[in-house]
C-alpha cells in the first residue's frame, strides 16, 4: 500500500460532533464518516481494523466448534410474533412494510431466525450439540445514538447460537464460548473484565458481559474489594441490611415547596439532606402500573424492577399517566392514597422521619414514617449499587466502581425460544424434547472503538499490533534524496515479502506532516529513513506505544522490525 494512492483523509481539528476519544480519533484518522445519526461509512483504514477483528473472532469461534452461516438483515414479522417479541421489544426495533403491506423488521438480533433454521433441519439428538454463528450488520433504533461506533444504530456484530439436548450440554457450550471470548479479547490486545449481567431483551436465565476497562467507558462495573465478584450496575445486588436510626418518630407535617420538585432542590429549600427524602417513582409494563419507593439520593434500577416482577420490560410512566394515577404532577408523587401496588427498596425499612411527596402540587410531607403515614405491599432490591455497599457474594468486602465498555455478552437462554417456536428434537427413546439454547454476541465495531479508548494519547491512537490498520509505516523523510527513496522502497518491499502489513508514506509532504499523521492513525511501528541517519548507515524505528526510538544499521532493519513486532504481539496477549 502506498499512501500517495491510498484513501486516508485525516483531519487536523477535533470534530465538534465527537464526544468520546474513539469517535474523535476514528473521524480524524480517516477511518469513518457519518452518513446519518448513528450510521457510518467505513473508510479503508477503518474497514481494515474491522476485518482484522473479524478474523480473530472467526479463528476462535471456529476452534470452539461453531459453524459460520449468514442470515438476512430483513426479517419477517411472523417470526418475531411467534417468539412473542414483536410487541414487547420497543421502539429500538425498526419496523417496515414491503410493497405488499407485509410487516418486516431490520434484525437487531437473530434468535428467531436461527431457531427457525434449526427446528426445520434438526430432528434427532444425534445432530446435537450445534453452534451456528454469523458476522452481520444489525440495526437498533437507539433513541440517542452517540459516541460513534460505541453506540450507533447500525453496527456489525458477531452473534452465535448454541443448541443442546439438556442443561448440562448447554452449560458446556456456554463454557466453550466463555473461554473463546477470553481468547478473542486477549488476541485483540485488550484488557478486560468478565462480569455478571442482566439478560435484558434477549431473555434467559444467566449472562456475562465482557467489559474492556477504560476511564472513558459508558458502563459501570461493580466489583468487590475482597473477592472476585464483578457485575454490571444493572445486575449487582444490594443486601437487605441496616439499622433504623435511634430517634423517636416525629409528628408529620405538610409543608409548601412552591415551584420546587427535584429532591436536591427540595432538600436545599427545607435544609433536610437528600438521604432523608424518599422518592415515589411510577413505572409500568403495558397497562400494569407500580409505585417504587427509593431513597432520595439513590437511582432506580429498572432491570431489577423488571426481574422482581418477572416482566418482559419496564419503563417510567408518562406525565399524563402519573397525573391520572396519583392526582398530582410529576415530582410530587407519594404512596398515600395510591390504588396501584406499592413496593419499596430495602433501605426504606431503615429510615425514619423522612420527606415524602403527597400527590399534590407544591406540597411535601416532612417527618413521614412507614406504617404510620402509609403502607406498602413489599420490599425488594430496586436501586443501583454504590461504592461502599457490602458485597452480596462474600459479605466482607465493599463494592467499588470502575468504568468499562461492553464488547461481548453471552447468555444462557434455556428453552425460551425453542418452546415459543416449537424447536424439538427426538431423544434416544424417541421422545420429543425442547432444545436448550445459548446466545453469544460480540460488537465488532465496539471492539475496535474500545481498543482506541484503551490505547491513545494526546497525539492519537496506538493500536495493538493484531488489529492495527497497518503494522508498520515506512517514512522516507527526504523524498528528493535518491538514496532515501531507494532504501525506503527496498525496506517496504522486503517487509511485504515477509508478510508484514506495511504502508509506505510516499507523499511529497514535510516530515512533520507525515509523523503527525502516523501518530494520529496509530501504526505500531514507524521506520524513519532520513538522509542524515542514512549517511551513517542507520535507520530509525519509532515505537508508537512507548515513544522509544531504536537506531539500527540499515542492513538489520528488517530483522529488527520483525523482532519488535513479535515482542509487541506477545506483550499484548
Protein backbone atom coordinates (compact mmCIF):
# COMPACT_ATOMS: atom_id res chain seq x y z
CA UNK A 1 0.00 0.00 0.00
CA UNK A 2 1.32 3.43 -1.00
CA UNK A 3 -0.15 6.37 0.85
CA UNK A 4 0.01 8.61 -2.21
CA UNK A 5 -2.69 6.45 -3.80
CA UNK A 6 -4.45 5.31 -0.62
CA UNK A 7 -7.66 6.91 0.69
CA UNK A 8 -6.84 8.19 4.18
CA UNK A 9 -8.45 11.63 4.66
CA UNK A 10 -7.07 12.79 8.04
CA UNK A 11 -8.34 15.88 9.87
CA UNK A 12 -6.26 18.37 11.84
CA UNK A 13 -9.04 19.63 14.12
CA UNK A 14 -11.29 17.72 16.51
CA UNK A 15 -14.81 17.29 15.04
CA UNK A 16 -17.45 19.09 17.09
CA UNK A 17 -19.80 16.08 16.98
CA UNK A 18 -17.30 13.75 18.69
CA UNK A 19 -17.95 13.21 22.41
CA UNK A 20 -15.51 10.41 23.22
CA UNK A 21 -11.91 9.65 22.27
CA UNK A 22 -12.63 6.77 19.91
CA UNK A 23 -15.20 8.78 17.97
CA UNK A 24 -12.83 11.75 17.71
CA UNK A 25 -9.84 9.76 16.55
CA UNK A 26 -11.74 7.49 14.14
CA UNK A 27 -13.04 10.62 12.40
CA UNK A 28 -9.70 12.44 12.49
CA UNK A 29 -7.72 9.38 11.36
CA UNK A 30 -9.94 8.94 8.30
CA UNK A 31 -11.49 5.65 9.42
CA UNK A 32 -15.20 6.52 9.44
CA UNK A 33 -17.52 9.24 8.14
CA UNK A 34 -21.06 9.95 9.31
CA UNK A 35 -23.97 9.27 6.96
CA UNK A 36 -26.82 9.87 9.43
CA UNK A 37 -27.26 9.77 13.21
CA UNK A 38 -25.64 6.54 14.39
CA UNK A 39 -24.86 5.35 10.82
CA UNK A 40 -21.33 5.48 9.39
CA UNK A 41 -19.29 4.75 6.28
CA UNK A 42 -16.22 2.62 6.99
CA UNK A 43 -13.30 4.09 5.05
CA UNK A 44 -10.34 1.84 4.04
CA UNK A 45 -8.29 2.11 7.26
CA UNK A 46 -11.35 1.65 9.46
CA UNK A 47 -12.53 -1.30 7.39
CA UNK A 48 -9.10 -2.94 7.75
CA UNK A 49 -9.40 -2.76 11.53
CA UNK A 50 -12.91 -4.23 11.37
CA UNK A 51 -11.72 -7.09 9.13
CA UNK A 52 -8.81 -7.86 11.47
CA UNK A 53 -11.16 -8.07 14.46
CA UNK A 54 -13.45 -10.31 12.42
CA UNK A 55 -10.52 -12.58 11.50
CA UNK A 56 -9.62 -13.04 15.16
CA UNK A 57 -13.26 -13.72 16.06
CA UNK A 58 -13.60 -16.31 13.29
CA UNK A 59 -10.40 -18.09 14.34
CA UNK A 60 -11.51 -18.73 17.90
CA UNK A 61 -15.17 -19.34 17.09
CA UNK A 62 -14.15 -21.99 14.57
CA UNK A 63 -11.69 -23.52 17.04
CA UNK A 64 -14.52 -23.74 19.59
CA UNK A 65 -16.59 -25.77 17.12
CA UNK A 66 -19.00 -23.07 15.95
CA UNK A 67 -20.05 -23.11 12.28
CA UNK A 68 -20.47 -19.89 10.30
CA UNK A 69 -23.69 -19.06 8.43
CA UNK A 70 -25.23 -15.82 7.19
CA UNK A 71 -28.82 -14.82 7.97
CA UNK A 72 -30.80 -11.99 6.36
CA UNK A 73 -30.82 -8.43 7.66
CA UNK A 74 -34.55 -8.06 6.92
CA UNK A 75 -36.75 -10.42 8.96
CA UNK A 76 -40.49 -11.12 8.52
CA UNK A 77 -42.67 -10.09 11.45
CA UNK A 78 -44.18 -13.59 11.69
CA UNK A 79 -41.06 -14.99 13.33
CA UNK A 80 -40.95 -12.20 15.92
CA UNK A 81 -44.68 -12.54 16.59
CA UNK A 82 -44.16 -16.27 17.11
CA UNK A 83 -41.47 -15.68 19.74
CA UNK A 84 -43.58 -13.01 21.45
CA UNK A 85 -41.06 -10.21 20.94
CA UNK A 86 -42.79 -8.21 18.18
CA UNK A 87 -44.97 -6.28 20.63
CA UNK A 88 -42.56 -6.02 23.55
CA UNK A 89 -39.17 -5.21 22.03
CA UNK A 90 -39.92 -1.50 21.94
CA UNK A 91 -39.07 1.37 19.61
CA UNK A 92 -35.49 0.17 19.09
CA UNK A 93 -36.92 -2.38 16.64
CA UNK A 94 -37.00 -0.73 13.20
CA UNK A 95 -40.20 -1.95 11.58
CA UNK A 96 -41.08 -1.61 7.90
CA UNK A 97 -43.57 -2.82 5.30
CA UNK A 98 -42.89 -4.19 1.85
CA UNK A 99 -44.94 -3.31 -1.28
CA UNK A 100 -47.50 -5.96 -0.31
CA UNK A 101 -48.05 -4.28 3.07
CA UNK A 102 -46.39 -7.17 4.93
CA UNK A 103 -44.55 -6.38 8.17
CA UNK A 104 -40.78 -6.81 8.48
CA UNK A 105 -38.02 -5.56 10.77
CA UNK A 106 -34.31 -4.90 10.45
CA UNK A 107 -32.73 -7.51 12.68
CA UNK A 108 -31.17 -6.21 15.91
CA UNK A 109 -30.53 -9.85 16.83
CA UNK A 110 -31.36 -13.19 15.20
CA UNK A 111 -32.68 -15.66 17.80
CA UNK A 112 -35.93 -16.15 15.88
CA UNK A 113 -34.29 -16.71 12.50
CA UNK A 114 -31.71 -19.21 13.73
CA UNK A 115 -34.33 -21.10 15.76
CA UNK A 116 -36.45 -21.35 12.63
CA UNK A 117 -33.47 -22.78 10.72
CA UNK A 118 -32.68 -25.36 13.36
CA UNK A 119 -36.24 -26.52 14.06
CA UNK A 120 -36.69 -27.27 10.36
CA UNK A 121 -33.40 -29.13 9.94
CA UNK A 122 -32.52 -30.79 13.26
CA UNK A 123 -34.68 -33.75 14.22
CA UNK A 124 -32.53 -36.09 16.34
CA UNK A 125 -30.33 -35.90 19.41
CA UNK A 126 -27.59 -37.31 17.18
CA UNK A 127 -27.43 -33.95 15.37
CA UNK A 128 -26.75 -32.04 18.58
CA UNK A 129 -24.95 -30.12 20.00
CA UNK A 130 -24.83 -27.42 17.34
CA UNK A 131 -23.46 -23.88 17.41
CA UNK A 132 -24.16 -21.56 14.47
CA UNK A 133 -22.70 -18.06 14.17
CA UNK A 134 -22.64 -15.15 11.76
CA UNK A 135 -20.95 -11.78 11.37
CA UNK A 136 -23.72 -9.49 10.18
CA UNK A 137 -24.90 -5.87 10.09
CA UNK A 138 -27.58 -5.15 12.69
CA UNK A 139 -29.81 -2.17 13.42
CA UNK A 140 -31.23 -0.87 16.68
CA UNK A 141 -33.06 2.42 16.55
CA UNK A 142 -31.35 3.97 19.55
CA UNK A 143 -33.25 6.94 20.96
CA UNK A 144 -29.99 8.87 21.26
CA UNK A 145 -27.19 7.42 19.14
CA UNK A 146 -23.80 8.80 20.17
CA UNK A 147 -20.13 8.03 20.70
CA UNK A 148 -19.54 6.94 17.09
CA UNK A 149 -19.25 3.15 16.80
CA UNK A 150 -19.74 2.77 20.56
CA UNK A 151 -23.48 3.44 20.41
CA UNK A 152 -24.55 3.55 16.80
CA UNK A 153 -27.84 2.50 15.29
CA UNK A 154 -26.29 0.38 12.54
CA UNK A 155 -23.46 -1.86 13.71
CA UNK A 156 -21.54 -5.03 12.84
CA UNK A 157 -21.96 -7.90 15.25
CA UNK A 158 -20.86 -11.49 15.65
CA UNK A 159 -23.78 -13.46 17.05
CA UNK A 160 -23.72 -17.19 17.80
CA UNK A 161 -26.45 -19.56 18.95
CA UNK A 162 -25.96 -22.95 20.57
CA UNK A 163 -28.47 -25.81 20.67
CA UNK A 164 -28.12 -28.70 23.14
CA UNK A 165 -30.09 -31.69 24.35
CA UNK A 166 -30.14 -30.66 28.02
CA UNK A 167 -28.94 -28.15 30.61
CA UNK A 168 -25.65 -29.95 31.15
CA UNK A 169 -24.89 -29.72 27.44
CA UNK A 170 -25.91 -26.07 27.36
CA UNK A 171 -23.57 -25.40 30.29
CA UNK A 172 -20.69 -26.99 28.37
CA UNK A 173 -21.48 -24.91 25.27
CA UNK A 174 -21.65 -21.78 27.41
CA UNK A 175 -18.25 -22.51 28.92
CA UNK A 176 -16.73 -23.07 25.46
CA UNK A 177 -17.95 -19.65 24.39
CA UNK A 178 -16.75 -18.08 27.65
CA UNK A 179 -13.26 -19.48 27.03
CA UNK A 180 -13.33 -18.50 23.34
CA UNK A 181 -14.28 -14.93 24.23
CA UNK A 182 -11.36 -14.66 26.62
CA UNK A 183 -9.03 -15.79 23.83
CA UNK A 184 -10.61 -13.35 21.36
CA UNK A 185 -10.18 -10.26 23.51
CA UNK A 186 -6.70 -11.29 24.59
CA UNK A 187 -5.75 -11.79 20.92
CA UNK A 188 -7.10 -8.29 20.20
CA UNK A 189 -4.64 -6.95 22.78
CA UNK A 190 -7.34 -5.68 25.15
CA UNK A 191 -7.52 -5.53 28.94
CA UNK A 192 -10.97 -6.70 30.01
CA UNK A 193 -13.15 -7.91 32.89
CA UNK A 194 -15.86 -10.58 32.81
CA UNK A 195 -18.89 -9.51 34.83
CA UNK A 196 -22.29 -10.95 35.69
CA UNK A 197 -25.01 -9.15 33.77
CA UNK A 198 -28.75 -8.76 33.27
CA UNK A 199 -30.11 -10.57 30.21
CA UNK A 200 -32.29 -7.65 29.06
CA UNK A 201 -34.46 -8.01 25.96
CA UNK A 202 -32.64 -11.21 24.90
CA UNK A 203 -34.02 -13.09 27.91
CA UNK A 204 -32.63 -16.19 29.53
CA UNK A 205 -31.56 -17.23 32.99
CA UNK A 206 -27.97 -16.07 33.21
CA UNK A 207 -25.43 -13.97 31.32
CA UNK A 208 -21.93 -12.48 31.42
CA UNK A 209 -20.62 -9.30 29.85
CA UNK A 210 -17.05 -8.85 28.65
CA UNK A 211 -16.01 -5.31 29.55
CA UNK A 212 -12.95 -3.51 28.22
CA UNK A 213 -11.73 -1.36 31.10
CA UNK A 214 -11.35 2.31 30.18
CA UNK A 215 -11.73 5.59 32.07
CA UNK A 216 -13.91 6.89 29.25
CA UNK A 217 -16.26 3.88 29.32
CA UNK A 218 -20.01 4.44 29.35
CA UNK A 219 -20.81 1.39 31.51
CA UNK A 220 -20.18 0.92 35.22
CA UNK A 221 -18.63 -2.25 36.61
CA UNK A 222 -19.24 -3.15 40.25
CA UNK A 223 -16.53 -5.30 41.84
CA UNK A 224 -15.62 -6.41 45.34
CA UNK A 225 -12.51 -5.28 47.25
CA UNK A 226 -12.14 -8.74 48.85
CA UNK A 227 -13.46 -11.46 46.48
CA UNK A 228 -13.59 -11.94 42.70
CA UNK A 229 -17.23 -10.86 42.32
CA UNK A 230 -17.87 -8.48 39.41
CA UNK A 231 -21.14 -7.43 37.78
CA UNK A 232 -22.54 -4.60 35.73
CA UNK A 233 -24.53 -1.99 37.58
CA UNK A 234 -27.86 -3.46 36.39
CA UNK A 235 -27.05 -6.82 37.96
CA UNK A 236 -25.06 -6.06 41.14
CA UNK A 237 -27.27 -6.99 44.13
CA UNK A 238 -27.57 -4.92 47.28
CA UNK A 239 -28.03 -6.66 50.62
CA UNK A 240 -31.06 -6.11 52.84
CA UNK A 241 -29.31 -4.77 55.90
CA UNK A 242 -29.30 -1.70 58.08
CA UNK A 243 -30.24 -0.31 61.47
CA UNK A 244 -33.11 2.15 62.00
CA UNK A 245 -31.82 5.46 63.40
CA UNK A 246 -32.07 5.84 67.15
CA UNK A 247 -34.58 8.66 67.11
CA UNK A 248 -38.25 8.91 68.07
CA UNK A 249 -40.91 9.30 65.42
CA UNK A 250 -41.79 12.96 64.96
CA UNK A 251 -45.16 14.43 64.15
CA UNK A 252 -45.63 14.62 60.39
CA UNK A 253 -46.36 17.99 58.81
CA UNK A 254 -47.34 19.17 55.33
CA UNK A 255 -45.10 21.96 54.03
CA UNK A 256 -45.29 24.16 50.96
CA UNK A 257 -42.48 23.83 48.41
CA UNK A 258 -43.68 26.21 45.71
CA UNK A 259 -42.25 25.52 42.23
CA UNK A 260 -39.71 23.09 43.73
CA UNK A 261 -39.92 19.38 42.96
CA UNK A 262 -36.41 17.91 42.41
CA UNK A 263 -35.06 16.16 45.50
CA UNK A 264 -31.84 18.15 45.53
CA UNK A 265 -33.78 21.44 45.34
CA UNK A 266 -36.37 20.44 47.95
CA UNK A 267 -33.53 19.29 50.23
CA UNK A 268 -31.79 22.64 49.92
CA UNK A 269 -35.02 24.57 50.49
CA UNK A 270 -36.02 22.56 53.58
CA UNK A 271 -32.50 22.15 54.94
CA UNK A 272 -33.01 18.37 55.06
CA UNK A 273 -30.32 16.31 53.24
CA UNK A 274 -31.32 14.16 50.21
CA UNK A 275 -30.71 10.88 52.05
CA UNK A 276 -33.61 11.84 54.34
CA UNK A 277 -36.01 12.01 51.38
CA UNK A 278 -37.99 9.20 49.71
CA UNK A 279 -38.86 9.30 46.01
CA UNK A 280 -42.03 7.66 44.71
CA UNK A 281 -41.49 6.55 41.12
CA UNK A 282 -44.32 5.28 38.91
CA UNK A 283 -43.35 2.57 36.43
CA UNK A 284 -45.35 0.42 34.04
CA UNK A 285 -45.44 -2.62 31.79
CA UNK A 286 -48.17 -2.30 29.18
CA UNK A 287 -51.27 -1.40 31.27
CA UNK A 288 -49.89 -2.51 34.66
CA UNK A 289 -48.53 0.23 36.93
CA UNK A 290 -46.40 0.04 40.09
CA UNK A 291 -45.09 2.58 42.58
CA UNK A 292 -41.48 2.06 43.69
CA UNK A 293 -40.05 3.93 46.68
CA UNK A 294 -36.31 4.58 46.95
CA UNK A 295 -34.12 6.90 48.98
CA UNK A 296 -33.83 10.40 47.60
CA UNK A 297 -30.12 10.18 46.78
CA UNK A 298 -30.39 6.77 45.03
CA UNK A 299 -31.08 5.78 41.43
CA UNK A 300 -33.81 3.33 40.48
CA UNK A 301 -32.59 0.20 38.68
CA UNK A 302 -35.24 -0.65 36.08
CA UNK A 303 -33.63 -4.02 35.29
CA UNK A 304 -34.03 -5.10 38.92
CA UNK A 305 -37.66 -3.95 38.93
CA UNK A 306 -38.35 -5.90 35.73
CA UNK A 307 -36.79 -9.06 37.15
CA UNK A 308 -38.51 -8.68 40.53
CA UNK A 309 -41.94 -8.69 38.88
CA UNK A 310 -40.86 -11.13 36.14
CA UNK A 311 -41.99 -8.75 33.39
CA UNK A 312 -40.82 -8.64 29.75
CA UNK A 313 -39.91 -4.95 30.10
CA UNK A 314 -40.43 -1.97 32.39
CA UNK A 315 -40.50 1.77 31.76
CA UNK A 316 -41.37 5.00 33.54
CA UNK A 317 -44.94 6.22 33.33
CA UNK A 318 -45.61 9.36 31.31
CA UNK A 319 -46.51 12.71 32.87
CA UNK A 320 -50.16 12.28 31.88
CA UNK A 321 -50.25 8.77 33.33
CA UNK A 322 -48.69 9.97 36.60
CA UNK A 323 -51.27 12.76 36.87
CA UNK A 324 -54.10 10.29 36.24
CA UNK A 325 -52.82 7.67 38.71
CA UNK A 326 -51.67 9.91 41.58
CA UNK A 327 -53.80 13.01 41.12
CA UNK A 328 -50.67 15.17 41.25
CA UNK A 329 -48.00 16.29 38.77
CA UNK A 330 -44.55 14.77 38.25
CA UNK A 331 -42.20 15.48 41.13
CA UNK A 332 -44.81 15.38 43.89
CA UNK A 333 -45.83 11.70 43.88
CA UNK A 334 -46.24 9.84 47.16
CA UNK A 335 -47.55 6.44 48.30
CA UNK A 336 -50.52 7.61 50.35
CA UNK A 337 -53.85 7.04 48.67
CA UNK A 338 -52.47 5.16 45.66
CA UNK A 339 -54.57 2.27 44.34
CA UNK A 340 -51.69 0.62 42.44
CA UNK A 341 -49.23 -1.85 44.04
CA UNK A 342 -46.59 -0.08 46.15
CA UNK A 343 -43.13 -1.55 46.75
CA UNK A 344 -40.09 -0.08 48.46
CA UNK A 345 -36.37 -0.61 48.27
CA UNK A 346 -34.84 -2.36 51.29
CA UNK A 347 -33.31 0.89 52.53
CA UNK A 348 -36.75 2.35 53.26
CA UNK A 349 -37.06 -0.17 56.14
CA UNK A 350 -34.29 1.63 57.96
CA UNK A 351 -35.46 5.23 57.58
CA UNK A 352 -37.34 7.47 59.99
CA UNK A 353 -38.75 10.97 59.77
CA UNK A 354 -38.18 11.49 56.06
CA UNK A 355 -39.56 13.82 53.39
CA UNK A 356 -42.23 12.45 51.06
CA UNK A 357 -44.46 13.68 48.23
CA UNK A 358 -48.24 13.72 48.83
CA UNK A 359 -49.56 13.78 45.23
CA UNK A 360 -50.31 17.48 45.41
CA UNK A 361 -48.51 20.26 43.55
CA UNK A 362 -46.07 22.29 45.68
CA UNK A 363 -46.68 20.14 48.79
CA UNK A 364 -44.42 17.70 50.66
CA UNK A 365 -44.78 15.78 53.92
CA UNK A 366 -41.92 16.05 56.42
CA UNK A 367 -41.29 13.56 59.26
CA UNK A 368 -43.08 10.81 57.33
CA UNK A 369 -42.80 7.25 58.63
CA UNK A 370 -43.59 3.86 57.16
CA UNK A 371 -46.53 2.09 58.83
CA UNK A 372 -47.93 5.25 60.35
CA UNK A 373 -48.31 7.54 57.34
CA UNK A 374 -48.53 4.91 54.59
CA UNK A 375 -48.23 1.18 53.95
CA UNK A 376 -46.61 -0.83 51.18
CA UNK A 377 -47.08 -4.24 49.56
CA UNK A 378 -43.48 -5.46 49.83
CA UNK A 379 -39.75 -4.79 49.72
CA UNK A 380 -37.09 -5.57 47.13
CA UNK A 381 -33.65 -4.69 45.84
CA UNK A 382 -34.54 -1.88 43.44
CA UNK A 383 -31.59 0.51 43.44
CA UNK A 384 -28.19 0.80 41.84
CA UNK A 385 -25.31 -0.39 43.98
CA UNK A 386 -22.86 2.33 45.05
CA UNK A 387 -19.27 2.30 46.34
CA UNK A 388 -19.19 1.22 49.97
CA UNK A 389 -22.15 -1.17 49.76
CA UNK A 390 -21.27 -4.55 51.27
CA UNK A 391 -20.55 -7.29 48.72
CA UNK A 392 -23.54 -9.61 48.33
CA UNK A 393 -21.23 -12.51 47.36
CA UNK A 394 -18.74 -12.69 50.23
CA UNK A 395 -20.39 -10.33 52.73
CA UNK A 396 -16.98 -8.97 53.78
CA UNK A 397 -15.64 -6.72 51.03
CA UNK A 398 -17.16 -3.50 49.76
CA UNK A 399 -18.24 -2.58 46.28
CA UNK A 400 -16.07 -0.37 44.13
CA UNK A 401 -16.92 1.07 40.71
CA UNK A 402 -14.80 1.19 37.57
CA UNK A 403 -15.76 2.21 34.07
CA UNK A 404 -15.90 -0.17 31.16
CA UNK A 405 -17.12 -0.71 27.62
CA UNK A 406 -19.25 -3.74 26.86
CA UNK A 407 -17.78 -5.56 23.85
CA UNK A 408 -19.24 -9.03 24.33
CA UNK A 409 -22.25 -10.64 26.01
CA UNK A 410 -23.07 -14.33 26.45
CA UNK A 411 -26.47 -15.67 27.55
CA UNK A 412 -27.96 -18.89 28.83
CA UNK A 413 -31.31 -18.78 27.05
CA UNK A 414 -32.71 -22.10 28.24
CA UNK A 415 -35.89 -23.03 26.33
CA UNK A 416 -37.36 -19.51 25.95
CA UNK A 417 -37.21 -19.51 22.14
CA UNK A 418 -37.35 -23.26 21.48
CA UNK A 419 -40.59 -23.50 23.49
CA UNK A 420 -42.17 -20.44 21.87
CA UNK A 421 -41.20 -21.64 18.38
CA UNK A 422 -41.57 -25.43 18.83
CA UNK A 423 -37.90 -26.34 18.34
CA UNK A 424 -37.99 -30.01 19.36
CA UNK A 425 -35.71 -32.99 18.82
CA UNK A 426 -36.24 -36.71 19.38
CA UNK A 427 -34.15 -38.21 22.19
CA UNK A 428 -32.69 -41.74 22.15
CA UNK A 429 -36.03 -43.10 23.37
CA UNK A 430 -37.93 -41.38 20.57
CA UNK A 431 -39.48 -38.78 22.87
CA UNK A 432 -39.87 -35.13 21.85
CA UNK A 433 -37.80 -32.70 23.90
CA UNK A 434 -37.09 -28.99 23.67
CA UNK A 435 -33.63 -27.87 22.58
CA UNK A 436 -31.74 -25.86 25.21
CA UNK A 437 -30.21 -22.70 23.77
CA UNK A 438 -27.44 -20.20 24.37
CA UNK A 439 -26.71 -16.88 22.66
CA UNK A 440 -23.33 -15.16 22.29
CA UNK A 441 -22.62 -11.69 20.86
CA UNK A 442 -19.55 -9.57 20.12
CA UNK A 443 -19.75 -5.99 18.87
CA UNK A 444 -17.11 -5.84 16.13
CA UNK A 445 -17.13 -2.05 15.77
CA UNK A 446 -17.40 -1.57 19.53
CA UNK A 447 -14.32 -3.76 19.99
CA UNK A 448 -12.36 -1.53 17.60
CA UNK A 449 -13.63 1.61 19.34
CA UNK A 450 -12.87 0.14 22.78
CA UNK A 451 -9.29 -0.57 21.68
CA UNK A 452 -8.88 3.15 20.95
CA UNK A 453 -10.40 4.15 24.30
CA UNK A 454 -7.80 1.95 25.97
CA UNK A 455 -4.85 2.83 23.70
CA UNK A 456 -4.45 6.52 22.95
CA UNK A 457 -2.64 9.69 23.95
CA UNK A 458 -2.85 13.38 23.04
CA UNK A 459 -1.36 12.70 19.60
CA UNK A 460 -3.68 9.92 18.52
CA UNK A 461 -4.09 6.14 18.63
CA UNK A 462 -1.53 3.43 19.38
CA UNK A 463 -3.18 0.26 18.12
CA UNK A 464 -2.43 -3.23 19.37
CA UNK A 465 -0.44 -4.85 16.54
CA UNK A 466 -3.07 -7.54 15.97
CA UNK A 467 -5.81 -5.10 14.90
CA UNK A 468 -3.84 -2.08 13.64
CA UNK A 469 -4.84 -0.83 10.15
CA UNK A 470 -1.16 -1.33 9.22
CA UNK A 471 1.52 -2.84 11.43
CA UNK A 472 4.35 -0.69 10.04
CA UNK A 473 4.62 2.57 8.10
CA UNK A 474 7.83 3.35 6.19
CA UNK A 475 8.50 7.09 6.07
CA UNK A 476 11.08 8.44 3.58
CA UNK A 477 11.95 11.78 5.17
CA UNK A 478 13.72 13.34 2.21
CA UNK A 479 11.87 12.35 -0.97
CA UNK A 480 14.34 14.36 -3.09
CA UNK A 481 17.17 12.04 -1.97
CA UNK A 482 17.58 9.07 -4.30
CA UNK A 483 19.29 7.01 -1.57
CA UNK A 484 16.44 7.66 0.88
CA UNK A 485 13.75 6.78 -1.68
CA UNK A 486 15.57 3.65 -2.86
CA UNK A 487 16.16 2.30 0.65
CA UNK A 488 12.55 3.10 1.66
CA UNK A 489 11.30 1.14 -1.34
CA UNK A 490 13.63 -1.75 -0.53
CA UNK A 491 12.50 -1.90 3.12
CA UNK A 492 8.85 -1.63 2.10
CA UNK A 493 9.07 -4.45 -0.47
CA UNK A 494 11.09 -6.75 1.82
CA UNK A 495 8.59 -6.31 4.66
CA UNK A 496 5.77 -7.11 2.24
CA UNK A 497 7.60 -10.28 1.28
CA UNK A 498 7.91 -11.20 4.98
CA UNK A 499 4.13 -10.97 5.31
CA UNK A 500 4.13 -7.70 7.27
CA UNK A 501 1.09 -5.45 6.79
CA UNK A 502 3.09 -2.38 5.76
CA UNK A 503 2.34 1.02 4.26
CA UNK A 504 4.81 3.44 2.68
CA UNK A 505 4.18 7.17 3.07
CA UNK A 506 5.43 8.23 -0.35
CA UNK A 507 3.63 11.59 -0.31
CA UNK A 508 5.56 14.72 -1.15
CA UNK A 509 5.00 16.18 2.33
CA UNK A 510 7.16 17.57 5.11
CA UNK A 511 8.44 15.10 7.71
CA UNK A 512 6.33 16.75 10.42
CA UNK A 513 3.11 16.19 8.47
CA UNK A 514 3.98 12.52 7.92
CA UNK A 515 4.93 11.98 11.57
CA UNK A 516 1.77 13.67 12.84
CA UNK A 517 -0.44 11.55 10.58
CA UNK A 518 1.41 8.39 11.62
CA UNK A 519 0.91 9.24 15.31
CA UNK A 520 -2.76 10.03 14.70
CA UNK A 521 -3.56 6.83 12.78
CA UNK A 522 -1.53 4.79 15.24
CA UNK A 523 0.75 2.41 13.31
CA UNK A 524 2.60 0.36 15.96
CA UNK A 525 5.99 0.89 14.26
CA UNK A 526 7.27 3.74 12.10
CA UNK A 527 10.50 3.29 10.14
CA UNK A 528 12.12 6.66 9.52
CA UNK A 529 14.52 6.73 6.57
CA UNK A 530 16.36 10.06 6.57
CA UNK A 531 19.40 11.35 4.70
CA UNK A 532 21.24 12.33 7.87
CA UNK A 533 20.91 8.93 9.56
CA UNK A 534 21.45 7.10 6.31
CA UNK A 535 24.76 8.91 5.80
CA UNK A 536 25.92 6.99 8.88
CA UNK A 537 24.38 3.76 7.60
CA UNK A 538 21.48 3.88 10.08
CA UNK A 539 17.69 3.80 10.08
CA UNK A 540 15.35 4.71 12.99
CA UNK A 541 12.44 2.59 14.19
CA UNK A 542 9.89 4.53 16.25
CA UNK A 543 7.67 2.53 18.65
CA UNK A 544 4.34 4.35 18.80
CA UNK A 545 3.12 2.98 22.15
CA UNK A 546 6.22 3.84 24.18
CA UNK A 547 7.69 6.66 22.11
CA UNK A 548 11.06 4.89 22.07
CA UNK A 549 13.36 5.21 19.05
CA UNK A 550 15.57 2.26 18.11
CA UNK A 551 18.51 3.07 15.84
CA UNK A 552 19.68 0.12 13.71
CA UNK A 553 22.04 -0.48 10.83
CA UNK A 554 20.18 -0.36 7.53
CA UNK A 555 21.17 -3.99 6.90
CA UNK A 556 19.40 -5.04 10.14
CA UNK A 557 16.19 -3.06 9.81
CA UNK A 558 14.05 -5.98 8.56
CA UNK A 559 15.15 -8.41 11.28
CA UNK A 560 14.77 -5.77 13.99
CA UNK A 561 11.32 -4.78 12.75
CA UNK A 562 10.13 -8.39 12.82
CA UNK A 563 11.60 -8.82 16.31
CA UNK A 564 9.86 -5.69 17.63
CA UNK A 565 6.52 -6.70 16.10
CA UNK A 566 6.77 -10.10 17.75
CA UNK A 567 7.63 -8.52 21.11
CA UNK A 568 4.63 -6.20 20.85
CA UNK A 569 2.29 -9.08 19.99
CA UNK A 570 3.49 -11.13 22.97
CA UNK A 571 3.17 -8.20 25.38
CA UNK A 572 -0.40 -7.57 24.22
CA UNK A 573 -1.70 -11.11 24.78
